[in-house]
Amino acid sequence: MTDTVPETTGLSDATHLGRVSLRVGSLDSVVPFYRDVVGLDVEREGGRAVLSAGDDPLVVLDEAPNAPPRTREQAGLFHLAIRVPDRGALGDALARIRDHTSLSGASDHLVSEALYLRDPEGNGVEIYRDRPRDEWPRTADGRVKMDTLHLDLEPLLADAHGDDHAPAGTDLGHVHLEVTDLVRSLDFYTDALGMNLRDDGYPGAAFVAAGDYHHHVGLNRWNERSEPAGGSRGVDWFEVVVPDTDTLGGVRDSLEQAGHTVEVSGDELVVSDPDGIELRVVVSA
């Protein structure tokens, strides 16, 4: 890490993610996926669709038919991760996936069980459930230990509740980004923003979180992206929700002391990460 970044007290467990926004070419092609497969409720007005579970908005789709597709060189989204509250809800998601589309992967990560797929415009989507925290394996220094193991799907289906919607309690658990410089991104998300490094055991990747969670942001260099994000289809911004205005002020001070430009609008800070992906830091309602 750089010597010029100030020390911070870090973000607590009371911090979590809010919404993620995607720029898409066609709402008509993408909305049915998030409604029928992911199981989210849809509110659509003009060129925007807001996708929710219960009363909680999770994904915002902004239609931009003239936006170019993301290139192979650009940083951006690896996947967004919808977290369901229990294993039965994950089984329901698997049933919807089998009815409407196909999986691109399924894994046991020790801390969680996850299903992977892609939306109609190629955005990666993970649907997962966490194991109880007291079951998460830990390293000697207190970090979490994750792995990528086979997930047996038939027992998962057997645990399904039979619901065709994502239940209340479903949220945006994390976002996983493809970055151009892993060290630079880690400096931003840990030293400047205040998250903790939780796992760097995967080659070419690192996972950071507020507090003791396994990860709120994943960062990887697996596809050797070399250009910043910007203007293309894919992730536009995502929210980091902090518990109070004191925490928001601390985040602002830390980001500005680290040399990042911060826009302030009421109880919201807007800042771009090193690859041009916008973060909106907001106070919990």
C-alpha atoms as a PDB file:
ATOM      1  CA  MET A   1       0.000   0.000   0.000  1.00  0.00           C
ATOM      2  CA  THR A   2       1.108   3.597  -0.507  1.00  0.00           C
ATOM      3  CA  ASP A   3       2.613   5.614   2.350  1.00  0.00           C
ATOM      4  CA  THR A   4       0.567   8.717   1.455  1.00  0.00           C
ATOM      5  CA  VAL A   5      -2.859   7.234   2.223  1.00  0.00           C
ATOM      6  CA  PRO A   6      -4.034   8.138   5.743  1.00  0.00           C
ATOM      7  CA  GLU A   7      -4.930   5.553   8.347  1.00  0.00           C
ATOM      8  CA  THR A   8      -8.678   5.027   8.768  1.00  0.00           C
ATOM      9  CA  THR A   9     -10.755   3.345  11.410  1.00  0.00           C
ATOM     10  CA  GLY A  10     -12.461   1.322   8.673  1.00  0.00           C
ATOM     11  CA  LEU A  11     -16.086   0.621   7.873  1.00  0.00           C
ATOM     12  CA  SER A  12     -18.034  -1.443  10.383  1.00  0.00           C
ATOM     13  CA  ASP A  13     -20.367  -4.416   9.989  1.00  0.00           C
ATOM     14  CA  ALA A  14     -23.235  -1.920   9.897  1.00  0.00           C
ATOM     15  CA  THR A  15     -22.128  -0.996   6.350  1.00  0.00           C
ATOM     16  CA  HIS A  16     -23.550  -2.940   3.404  1.00  0.00           C
ATOM     17  CA  LEU A  17     -24.259  -2.533  -0.299  1.00  0.00           C
ATOM     18  CA  GLY A  18     -27.462  -0.964  -1.575  1.00  0.00           C
ATOM     19  CA  ARG A  19     -28.234  -0.893  -5.300  1.00  0.00           C
ATOM     20  CA  VAL A  20     -26.216  -1.578  -8.419  1.00  0.00           C
ATOM     21  CA  SER A  21     -26.974   0.153 -11.723  1.00  0.00           C
ATOM     22  CA  LEU A  22     -26.417  -1.373 -15.138  1.00  0.00           C
ATOM     23  CA  ARG A  23     -26.421   0.436 -18.458  1.00  0.00           C
ATOM     24  CA  VAL A  24     -28.235  -1.842 -20.934  1.00  0.00           C
ATOM     25  CA  GLY A  25     -29.061  -1.670 -24.618  1.00  0.00           C
ATOM     26  CA  SER A  26     -32.667  -2.888 -24.313  1.00  0.00           C
ATOM     27  CA  LEU A  27     -34.940  -3.087 -21.286  1.00  0.00           C
ATOM     28  CA  ASP A  28     -37.291  -5.375 -23.210  1.00  0.00           C
ATOM     29  CA  SER A  29     -34.565  -7.992 -23.557  1.00  0.00           C
ATOM     30  CA  VAL A  30     -33.146  -7.739 -20.034  1.00  0.00           C
ATOM     31  CA  VAL A  31     -36.088  -7.097 -17.697  1.00  0.00           C
ATOM     32  CA  PRO A  32     -37.706 -10.560 -18.148  1.00  0.00           C
ATOM     33  CA  PHE A  33     -34.473 -12.206 -16.971  1.00  0.00           C
ATOM     34  CA  TYR A  34     -34.380 -10.315 -13.680  1.00  0.00           C
ATOM     35  CA  ARG A  35     -38.134 -10.798 -13.198  1.00  0.00           C
ATOM     36  CA  ASP A  36     -38.561 -14.457 -14.159  1.00  0.00           C
ATOM     37  CA  VAL A  37     -35.144 -15.929 -13.362  1.00  0.00           C
ATOM     38  CA  VAL A  38     -33.777 -13.849 -10.495  1.00  0.00           C
ATOM     39  CA  GLY A  39     -37.327 -13.372  -9.216  1.00  0.00           C
ATOM     40  CA  LEU A  40     -37.306  -9.620  -8.623  1.00  0.00           C
ATOM     41  CA  ASP A  41     -40.299  -7.261  -8.774  1.00  0.00           C
ATOM     42  CA  VAL A  42     -40.211  -4.664 -11.559  1.00  0.00           C
ATOM     43  CA  GLU A  43     -41.131  -0.989 -11.587  1.00  0.00           C
ATOM     44  CA  ARG A  44     -40.572   0.446 -15.039  1.00  0.00           C
ATOM     45  CA  GLU A  45     -40.857   4.046 -16.152  1.00  0.00           C
ATOM     46  CA  GLY A  46     -39.547   5.271 -19.495  1.00  0.00           C
ATOM     47  CA  GLY A  47     -35.987   4.111 -20.007  1.00  0.00           C
ATOM     48  CA  ARG A  48     -35.445   2.925 -16.433  1.00  0.00           C
ATOM     49  CA  ALA A  49     -36.457  -0.223 -14.566  1.00  0.00           C
ATOM     50  CA  VAL A  50     -36.002  -0.672 -10.819  1.00  0.00           C
ATOM     51  CA  LEU A  51     -35.856  -4.282  -9.634  1.00  0.00           C
ATOM     52  CA  SER A  52     -36.684  -5.066  -6.015  1.00  0.00           C
ATOM     53  CA  ALA A  53     -37.167  -7.826  -3.468  1.00  0.00           C
ATOM     54  CA  GLY A  54     -39.904  -6.906  -1.022  1.00  0.00           C
ATOM     55  CA  ASP A  55     -39.515  -3.177  -0.443  1.00  0.00           C
ATOM     56  CA  ASP A  56     -35.798  -3.118  -1.194  1.00  0.00           C
ATOM     57  CA  PRO A  57     -34.562  -1.964  -4.628  1.00  0.00           C
ATOM     58  CA  LEU A  58     -31.495  -3.958  -5.656  1.00  0.00           C
ATOM     59  CA  VAL A  59     -30.829  -3.434  -9.369  1.00  0.00           C
ATOM     60  CA  VAL A  60     -31.423  -0.376 -11.553  1.00  0.00           C
ATOM     61  CA  LEU A  61     -31.443  -0.855 -15.322  1.00  0.00           C
ATOM     62  CA  ASP A  62     -30.940   2.272 -17.428  1.00  0.00           C
ATOM     63  CA  GLU A  63     -31.655   1.845 -21.120  1.00  0.00           C
ATOM     64  CA  ALA A  64     -28.911   3.261 -23.351  1.00  0.00           C
ATOM     65  CA  PRO A  65     -29.429   1.867 -26.864  1.00  0.00           C
ATOM     66  CA  ASN A  66     -26.546   3.925 -28.267  1.00  0.00           C
ATOM     67  CA  ALA A  67     -24.037   2.800 -25.650  1.00  0.00           C
ATOM     68  CA  PRO A  68     -21.398   0.514 -27.188  1.00  0.00           C
ATOM     69  CA  PRO A  69     -20.829  -2.977 -25.845  1.00  0.00           C
ATOM     70  CA  ARG A  70     -17.982  -3.276 -23.388  1.00  0.00           C
ATOM     71  CA  THR A  71     -14.717  -4.212 -25.069  1.00  0.00           C
ATOM     72  CA  ARG A  72     -12.443  -7.084 -24.079  1.00  0.00           C
ATOM     73  CA  GLU A  73      -9.948  -4.550 -22.731  1.00  0.00           C
ATOM     74  CA  GLN A  74     -12.265  -2.553 -20.483  1.00  0.00           C
ATOM     75  CA  ALA A  75     -12.533  -2.935 -16.728  1.00  0.00           C
ATOM     76  CA  GLY A  76     -16.008  -3.422 -15.337  1.00  0.00           C
ATOM     77  CA  LEU A  77     -18.380  -5.984 -13.903  1.00  0.00           C
ATOM     78  CA  PHE A  78     -17.365  -9.601 -13.366  1.00  0.00           C
ATOM     79  CA  HIS A  79     -20.688 -10.255 -11.676  1.00  0.00           C
ATOM     80  CA  LEU A  80     -23.281  -8.734  -9.394  1.00  0.00           C
ATOM     81  CA  ALA A  81     -24.328 -11.003  -6.543  1.00  0.00           C
ATOM     82  CA  ILE A  82     -27.887 -11.322  -5.282  1.00  0.00           C
ATOM     83  CA  ARG A  83     -27.931 -12.848  -1.793  1.00  0.00           C
ATOM     84  CA  VAL A  84     -31.013 -14.819  -0.728  1.00  0.00           C
ATOM     85  CA  PRO A  85     -31.795 -15.428   2.948  1.00  0.00           C
ATOM     86  CA  ASP A  86     -31.743 -19.232   3.082  1.00  0.00           C
ATOM     87  CA  ARG A  87     -30.996 -22.437   1.215  1.00  0.00           C
ATOM     88  CA  GLY A  88     -34.620 -22.989   0.231  1.00  0.00           C
ATOM     89  CA  ALA A  89     -34.668 -19.636  -1.572  1.00  0.00           C
ATOM     90  CA  LEU A  90     -31.490 -20.657  -3.399  1.00  0.00           C
ATOM     91  CA  GLY A  91     -33.214 -23.874  -4.424  1.00  0.00           C
ATOM     92  CA  ASP A  92     -36.110 -21.792  -5.752  1.00  0.00           C
ATOM     93  CA  ALA A  93     -33.656 -19.743  -7.799  1.00  0.00           C
ATOM     94  CA  LEU A  94     -32.179 -22.924  -9.253  1.00  0.00           C
ATOM     95  CA  ALA A  95     -35.661 -24.117 -10.235  1.00  0.00           C
ATOM     96  CA  ARG A  96     -36.360 -20.816 -12.023  1.00  0.00           C
ATOM     97  CA  ILE A  97     -33.003 -21.003 -13.788  1.00  0.00           C
ATOM     98  CA  ARG A  98     -33.774 -24.520 -15.046  1.00  0.00           C
ATOM     99  CA  ASP A  99     -37.176 -23.341 -16.283  1.00  0.00           C
ATOM    100  CA  HIS A 100     -35.946 -20.284 -18.168  1.00  0.00           C
ATOM    101  CA  THR A 101     -32.214 -20.369 -18.938  1.00  0.00           C
ATOM    102  CA  SER A 102     -29.034 -22.262 -18.041  1.00  0.00           C
ATOM    103  CA  LEU A 103     -26.323 -22.108 -15.419  1.00  0.00           C
ATOM    104  CA  SER A 104     -22.785 -21.080 -16.240  1.00  0.00           C
ATOM    105  CA  GLY A 105     -21.513 -22.494 -12.947  1.00  0.00           C
ATOM    106  CA  ALA A 106     -22.288 -23.559  -9.378  1.00  0.00           C
ATOM    107  CA  SER A 107     -19.859 -23.546  -6.460  1.00  0.00           C
ATOM    108  CA  ASP A 108     -19.447 -24.199  -2.771  1.00  0.00           C
ATOM    109  CA  HIS A 109     -17.221 -21.378  -1.484  1.00  0.00           C
ATOM    110  CA  LEU A 110     -17.105 -22.656   2.140  1.00  0.00           C
ATOM    111  CA  VAL A 111     -18.658 -19.391   3.340  1.00  0.00           C
ATOM    112  CA  SER A 112     -21.506 -19.592   0.824  1.00  0.00           C
ATOM    113  CA  GLU A 113     -23.223 -21.622  -1.889  1.00  0.00           C
ATOM    114  CA  ALA A 114     -23.519 -19.916  -5.261  1.00  0.00           C
ATOM    115  CA  LEU A 115     -25.176 -20.228  -8.660  1.00  0.00           C
ATOM    116  CA  TYR A 116     -23.729 -18.385 -11.660  1.00  0.00           C
ATOM    117  CA  LEU A 117     -25.380 -17.267 -14.886  1.00  0.00           C
ATOM    118  CA  ARG A 118     -25.439 -14.406 -17.374  1.00  0.00           C
ATOM    119  CA  ASP A 119     -28.180 -11.977 -18.267  1.00  0.00           C
ATOM    120  CA  PRO A 120     -29.165 -11.472 -21.942  1.00  0.00           C
ATOM    121  CA  GLU A 121     -26.516  -8.767 -22.418  1.00  0.00           C
ATOM    122  CA  GLY A 122     -23.731 -10.860 -20.921  1.00  0.00           C
ATOM    123  CA  ASN A 123     -23.573  -9.337 -17.450  1.00  0.00           C
ATOM    124  CA  GLY A 124     -22.464 -11.897 -14.888  1.00  0.00           C
ATOM    125  CA  VAL A 125     -24.999 -12.654 -12.157  1.00  0.00           C
ATOM    126  CA  GLU A 126     -24.456 -14.699  -9.011  1.00  0.00           C
ATOM    127  CA  ILE A 127     -27.301 -15.838  -6.771  1.00  0.00           C
ATOM    128  CA  TYR A 128     -26.070 -17.148  -3.428  1.00  0.00           C
ATOM    129  CA  ARG A 129     -26.817 -17.849   0.198  1.00  0.00           C
ATOM    130  CA  ASP A 130     -24.414 -17.439   3.080  1.00  0.00           C
ATOM    131  CA  ARG A 131     -23.608 -20.143   5.542  1.00  0.00           C
ATOM    132  CA  PRO A 132     -23.849 -19.017   9.203  1.00  0.00           C
ATOM    133  CA  ARG A 133     -20.839 -16.906  10.139  1.00  0.00           C
ATOM    134  CA  ASP A 134     -19.752 -19.267  12.880  1.00  0.00           C
ATOM    135  CA  GLU A 135     -19.222 -21.916  10.168  1.00  0.00           C
ATOM    136  CA  TRP A 136     -16.903 -19.764   8.049  1.00  0.00           C
ATOM    137  CA  PRO A 137     -13.359 -21.139   8.064  1.00  0.00           C
ATOM    138  CA  ARG A 138     -10.735 -18.642   9.215  1.00  0.00           C
ATOM    139  CA  THR A 139      -7.041 -18.186   8.690  1.00  0.00           C
ATOM    140  CA  ALA A 140      -4.621 -17.703  11.587  1.00  0.00           C
ATOM    141  CA  ASP A 141      -4.775 -13.899  11.142  1.00  0.00           C
ATOM    142  CA  GLY A 142      -8.585 -13.831  11.330  1.00  0.00           C
ATOM    143  CA  ARG A 143      -9.380 -13.484   7.638  1.00  0.00           C
ATOM    144  CA  VAL A 144     -11.922 -15.734   5.970  1.00  0.00           C
ATOM    145  CA  LYS A 145     -10.853 -18.742   3.962  1.00  0.00           C
ATOM    146  CA  MET A 146     -12.768 -19.292   0.731  1.00  0.00           C
ATOM    147  CA  ASP A 147     -12.471 -21.966  -1.934  1.00  0.00           C
ATOM    148  CA  THR A 148     -14.257 -23.009  -5.133  1.00  0.00           C
ATOM    149  CA  LEU A 149     -15.640 -26.526  -4.762  1.00  0.00           C
ATOM    150  CA  HIS A 150     -18.327 -28.583  -6.491  1.00  0.00           C
ATOM    151  CA  LEU A 151     -21.915 -27.801  -5.460  1.00  0.00           C
ATOM    152  CA  ASP A 152     -24.362 -30.712  -5.664  1.00  0.00           C
ATOM    153  CA  LEU A 153     -27.516 -29.319  -7.277  1.00  0.00           C
ATOM    154  CA  GLU A 154     -30.090 -32.067  -6.718  1.00  0.00           C
ATOM    155  CA  PRO A 155     -30.134 -31.723  -2.894  1.00  0.00           C
ATOM    156  CA  LEU A 156     -30.400 -27.974  -3.397  1.00  0.00           C
ATOM    157  CA  LEU A 157     -33.515 -28.442  -5.518  1.00  0.00           C
ATOM    158  CA  ALA A 158     -34.934 -30.767  -2.875  1.00  0.00           C
ATOM    159  CA  ASP A 159     -34.678 -27.929  -0.318  1.00  0.00           C
ATOM    160  CA  ALA A 160     -36.628 -25.445  -2.479  1.00  0.00           C
ATOM    161  CA  HIS A 161     -39.652 -23.733  -0.952  1.00  0.00           C
ATOM    162  CA  GLY A 162     -41.534 -23.611  -4.263  1.00  0.00           C
ATOM    163  CA  ASP A 163     -41.662 -19.801  -4.509  1.00  0.00           C
ATOM    164  CA  ASP A 164     -41.421 -18.048  -7.872  1.00  0.00           C
ATOM    165  CA  HIS A 165     -40.189 -14.733  -6.393  1.00  0.00           C
ATOM    166  CA  ALA A 166     -37.109 -13.780  -4.442  1.00  0.00           C
ATOM    167  CA  PRO A 167     -38.291 -13.397  -0.833  1.00  0.00           C
ATOM    168  CA  ALA A 168     -38.087 -10.384   1.436  1.00  0.00           C
ATOM    169  CA  GLY A 169     -34.607 -10.295   2.924  1.00  0.00           C
ATOM    170  CA  THR A 170     -32.967 -10.761  -0.472  1.00  0.00           C
ATOM    171  CA  ASP A 171     -30.311  -8.099  -1.046  1.00  0.00           C
ATOM    172  CA  LEU A 172     -27.231  -7.145  -3.046  1.00  0.00           C
ATOM    173  CA  GLY A 173     -24.554  -9.096  -1.206  1.00  0.00           C
ATOM    174  CA  HIS A 174     -21.528  -8.009  -3.215  1.00  0.00           C
ATOM    175  CA  VAL A 175     -20.198  -6.869  -6.554  1.00  0.00           C
ATOM    176  CA  HIS A 176     -17.182  -8.454  -8.240  1.00  0.00           C
ATOM    177  CA  LEU A 177     -15.156  -6.229 -10.553  1.00  0.00           C
ATOM    178  CA  GLU A 178     -12.531  -6.778 -13.218  1.00  0.00           C
ATOM    179  CA  VAL A 179      -9.777  -4.206 -12.652  1.00  0.00           C
ATOM    180  CA  THR A 180      -6.712  -2.987 -14.498  1.00  0.00           C
ATOM    181  CA  ASP A 181      -4.370  -2.807 -11.480  1.00  0.00           C
ATOM    182  CA  LEU A 182      -5.053  -4.956  -8.424  1.00  0.00           C
ATOM    183  CA  VAL A 183      -2.748  -3.106  -6.025  1.00  0.00           C
ATOM    184  CA  ARG A 184      -4.139   0.284  -7.020  1.00  0.00           C
ATOM    185  CA  SER A 185      -7.711  -0.946  -6.586  1.00  0.00           C
ATOM    186  CA  LEU A 186      -6.879  -2.441  -3.189  1.00  0.00           C
ATOM    187  CA  ASP A 187      -5.410   0.898  -2.114  1.00  0.00           C
ATOM    188  CA  PHE A 188      -8.684   2.584  -3.043  1.00  0.00           C
ATOM    189  CA  TYR A 189     -11.121   0.122  -1.472  1.00  0.00           C
ATOM    190  CA  THR A 190      -9.137  -0.504   1.723  1.00  0.00           C
ATOM    191  CA  ASP A 191      -6.946   2.493   2.577  1.00  0.00           C
ATOM    192  CA  ALA A 192      -9.144   5.224   1.065  1.00  0.00           C
ATOM    193  CA  LEU A 193     -12.695   3.834   1.358  1.00  0.00           C
ATOM    194  CA  GLY A 194     -12.094   1.920   4.587  1.00  0.00           C
ATOM    195  CA  MET A 195     -12.888  -1.713   3.772  1.00  0.00           C
ATOM    196  CA  ASN A 196     -10.821  -4.616   5.096  1.00  0.00           C
ATOM    197  CA  LEU A 197      -8.857  -7.138   3.064  1.00  0.00           C
ATOM    198  CA  ARG A 198     -10.668 -10.413   3.778  1.00  0.00           C
ATOM    199  CA  ASP A 199      -9.067 -12.913   1.385  1.00  0.00           C
ATOM    200  CA  ASP A 200      -6.173 -12.713  -1.074  1.00  0.00           C
ATOM    201  CA  GLY A 201      -5.629 -16.428  -1.471  1.00  0.00           C
ATOM    202  CA  TYR A 202      -6.863 -16.631  -5.068  1.00  0.00           C
ATOM    203  CA  PRO A 203      -4.142 -15.857  -7.658  1.00  0.00           C
ATOM    204  CA  GLY A 204      -4.828 -12.527  -9.334  1.00  0.00           C
ATOM    205  CA  ALA A 205      -7.736 -11.616  -7.051  1.00  0.00           C
ATOM    206  CA  ALA A 206      -8.602 -10.095  -3.696  1.00  0.00           C
ATOM    207  CA  PHE A 207     -11.788  -9.739  -1.678  1.00  0.00           C
ATOM    208  CA  VAL A 208     -12.578  -6.791   0.597  1.00  0.00           C
ATOM    209  CA  ALA A 209     -15.430  -5.977   2.945  1.00  0.00           C
ATOM    210  CA  ALA A 210     -16.766  -3.619   5.550  1.00  0.00           C
ATOM    211  CA  GLY A 211     -16.372  -5.185   8.973  1.00  0.00           C
ATOM    212  CA  ASP A 212     -16.214  -8.966   9.231  1.00  0.00           C
ATOM    213  CA  TYR A 213     -18.212  -9.961   6.128  1.00  0.00           C
ATOM    214  CA  HIS A 214     -16.496 -12.321   3.680  1.00  0.00           C
ATOM    215  CA  HIS A 215     -16.622  -9.720   0.896  1.00  0.00           C
ATOM    216  CA  HIS A 216     -18.619  -6.783  -0.354  1.00  0.00           C
ATOM    217  CA  VAL A 217     -16.301  -6.184  -3.329  1.00  0.00           C
ATOM    218  CA  GLY A 218     -14.326  -8.725  -5.305  1.00  0.00           C
ATOM    219  CA  LEU A 219     -11.425  -7.575  -7.488  1.00  0.00           C
ATOM    220  CA  ASN A 220      -9.673  -9.648 -10.127  1.00  0.00           C
ATOM    221  CA  ARG A 221      -7.172  -9.496 -12.981  1.00  0.00           C
ATOM    222  CA  TRP A 222      -8.097 -12.855 -14.502  1.00  0.00           C
ATOM    223  CA  ASN A 223      -8.952 -11.509 -17.965  1.00  0.00           C
ATOM    224  CA  GLU A 224      -6.124  -8.943 -17.998  1.00  0.00           C
ATOM    225  CA  ARG A 225      -8.277  -5.869 -18.529  1.00  0.00           C
ATOM    226  CA  SER A 226      -6.120  -2.908 -19.538  1.00  0.00           C
ATOM    227  CA  GLU A 227      -8.509   0.039 -20.065  1.00  0.00           C
ATOM    228  CA  PRO A 228     -10.832   1.843 -17.644  1.00  0.00           C
ATOM    229  CA  ALA A 229     -14.590   1.434 -17.710  1.00  0.00           C
ATOM    230  CA  GLY A 230     -16.654   4.266 -19.091  1.00  0.00           C
ATOM    231  CA  GLY A 231     -19.654   4.860 -21.309  1.00  0.00           C
ATOM    232  CA  SER A 232     -20.161   1.280 -22.428  1.00  0.00           C
ATOM    233  CA  ARG A 233     -22.869  -1.178 -21.430  1.00  0.00           C
ATOM    234  CA  GLY A 234     -22.449  -2.840 -18.078  1.00  0.00           C
ATOM    235  CA  VAL A 235     -21.994  -1.514 -14.569  1.00  0.00           C
ATOM    236  CA  ASP A 236     -22.600   2.219 -14.162  1.00  0.00           C
ATOM    237  CA  TRP A 237     -22.530   2.662 -10.353  1.00  0.00           C
ATOM    238  CA  PHE A 238     -23.177   0.902  -7.087  1.00  0.00           C
ATOM    239  CA  GLU A 239     -24.072   2.030  -3.581  1.00  0.00           C
ATOM    240  CA  VAL A 240     -22.208   1.590  -0.311  1.00  0.00           C
ATOM    241  CA  VAL A 241     -24.645   2.202   2.557  1.00  0.00           C
ATOM    242  CA  VAL A 242     -23.129   3.483   5.813  1.00  0.00           C
ATOM    243  CA  PRO A 243     -24.994   3.646   9.136  1.00  0.00           C
ATOM    244  CA  ASP A 244     -24.815   7.368   9.966  1.00  0.00           C
ATOM    245  CA  THR A 245     -23.599  10.818   8.964  1.00  0.00           C
ATOM    246  CA  ASP A 246     -20.493  10.555  11.170  1.00  0.00           C
ATOM    247  CA  THR A 247     -19.351   7.531   9.179  1.00  0.00           C
ATOM    248  CA  LEU A 248     -20.148   9.351   5.938  1.00  0.00           C
ATOM    249  CA  GLY A 249     -18.024  12.294   7.033  1.00  0.00           C
ATOM    250  CA  GLY A 250     -15.147   9.991   7.913  1.00  0.00           C
ATOM    251  CA  VAL A 251     -15.341   8.329   4.499  1.00  0.00           C
ATOM    252  CA  ARG A 252     -15.325  11.732   2.799  1.00  0.00           C
ATOM    253  CA  ASP A 253     -12.270  12.874   4.752  1.00  0.00           C
ATOM    254  CA  SER A 254     -10.413   9.651   4.010  1.00  0.00           C
ATOM    255  CA  LEU A 255     -11.167   9.739   0.287  1.00  0.00           C
ATOM    256  CA  GLU A 256     -10.217  13.397  -0.062  1.00  0.00           C
ATOM    257  CA  GLN A 257      -6.989  12.991   1.930  1.00  0.00           C
ATOM    258  CA  ALA A 258      -6.100  10.123  -0.401  1.00  0.00           C
ATOM    259  CA  GLY A 259      -6.472  12.494  -3.366  1.00  0.00           C
ATOM    260  CA  HIS A 260      -9.829  11.367  -4.746  1.00  0.00           C
ATOM    261  CA  THR A 261     -12.382  13.851  -6.050  1.00  0.00           C
ATOM    262  CA  VAL A 262     -15.615  13.566  -4.058  1.00  0.00           C
ATOM    263  CA  GLU A 263     -18.934  15.129  -5.029  1.00  0.00           C
ATOM    264  CA  VAL A 264     -21.317  15.798  -2.153  1.00  0.00           C
ATOM    265  CA  SER A 265     -25.097  15.969  -2.429  1.00  0.00           C
ATOM    266  CA  GLY A 266     -26.888  15.919   0.930  1.00  0.00           C
ATOM    267  CA  ASP A 267     -26.263  12.561   2.590  1.00  0.00           C
ATOM    268  CA  GLU A 268     -24.562  11.119  -0.496  1.00  0.00           C
ATOM    269  CA  LEU A 269     -20.974  11.066  -1.671  1.00  0.00           C
ATOM    270  CA  VAL A 270     -20.073  10.256  -5.265  1.00  0.00           C
ATOM    271  CA  VAL A 271     -16.573   9.072  -6.132  1.00  0.00           C
ATOM    272  CA  SER A 272     -15.036   7.000  -8.919  1.00  0.00           C
ATOM    273  CA  ASP A 273     -12.716   4.081  -8.267  1.00  0.00           C
ATOM    274  CA  PRO A 274      -9.383   3.864 -10.154  1.00  0.00           C
ATOM    275  CA  ASP A 275     -11.090   2.247 -13.161  1.00  0.00           C
ATOM    276  CA  GLY A 276     -13.831   4.870 -13.445  1.00  0.00           C
ATOM    277  CA  ILE A 277     -16.618   2.857 -11.790  1.00  0.00           C
ATOM    278  CA  GLU A 278     -18.816   5.176  -9.757  1.00  0.00           C
ATOM    279  CA  LEU A 279     -19.526   4.541  -6.088  1.00  0.00           C
ATOM    280  CA  ARG A 280     -22.332   6.295  -4.264  1.00  0.00           C
ATOM    281  CA  VAL A 281     -21.805   6.308  -0.505  1.00  0.00           C
ATOM    282  CA  VAL A 282     -25.137   6.955   1.207  1.00  0.00           C
ATOM    283  CA  VAL A 283     -26.534   6.991   4.733  1.00  0.00           C
ATOM    284  CA  SER A 284     -28.924   4.218   5.701  1.00  0.00           C
ATOM    285  CA  ALA A 285     -32.548   5.355   5.625  1.00  0.00           C
END
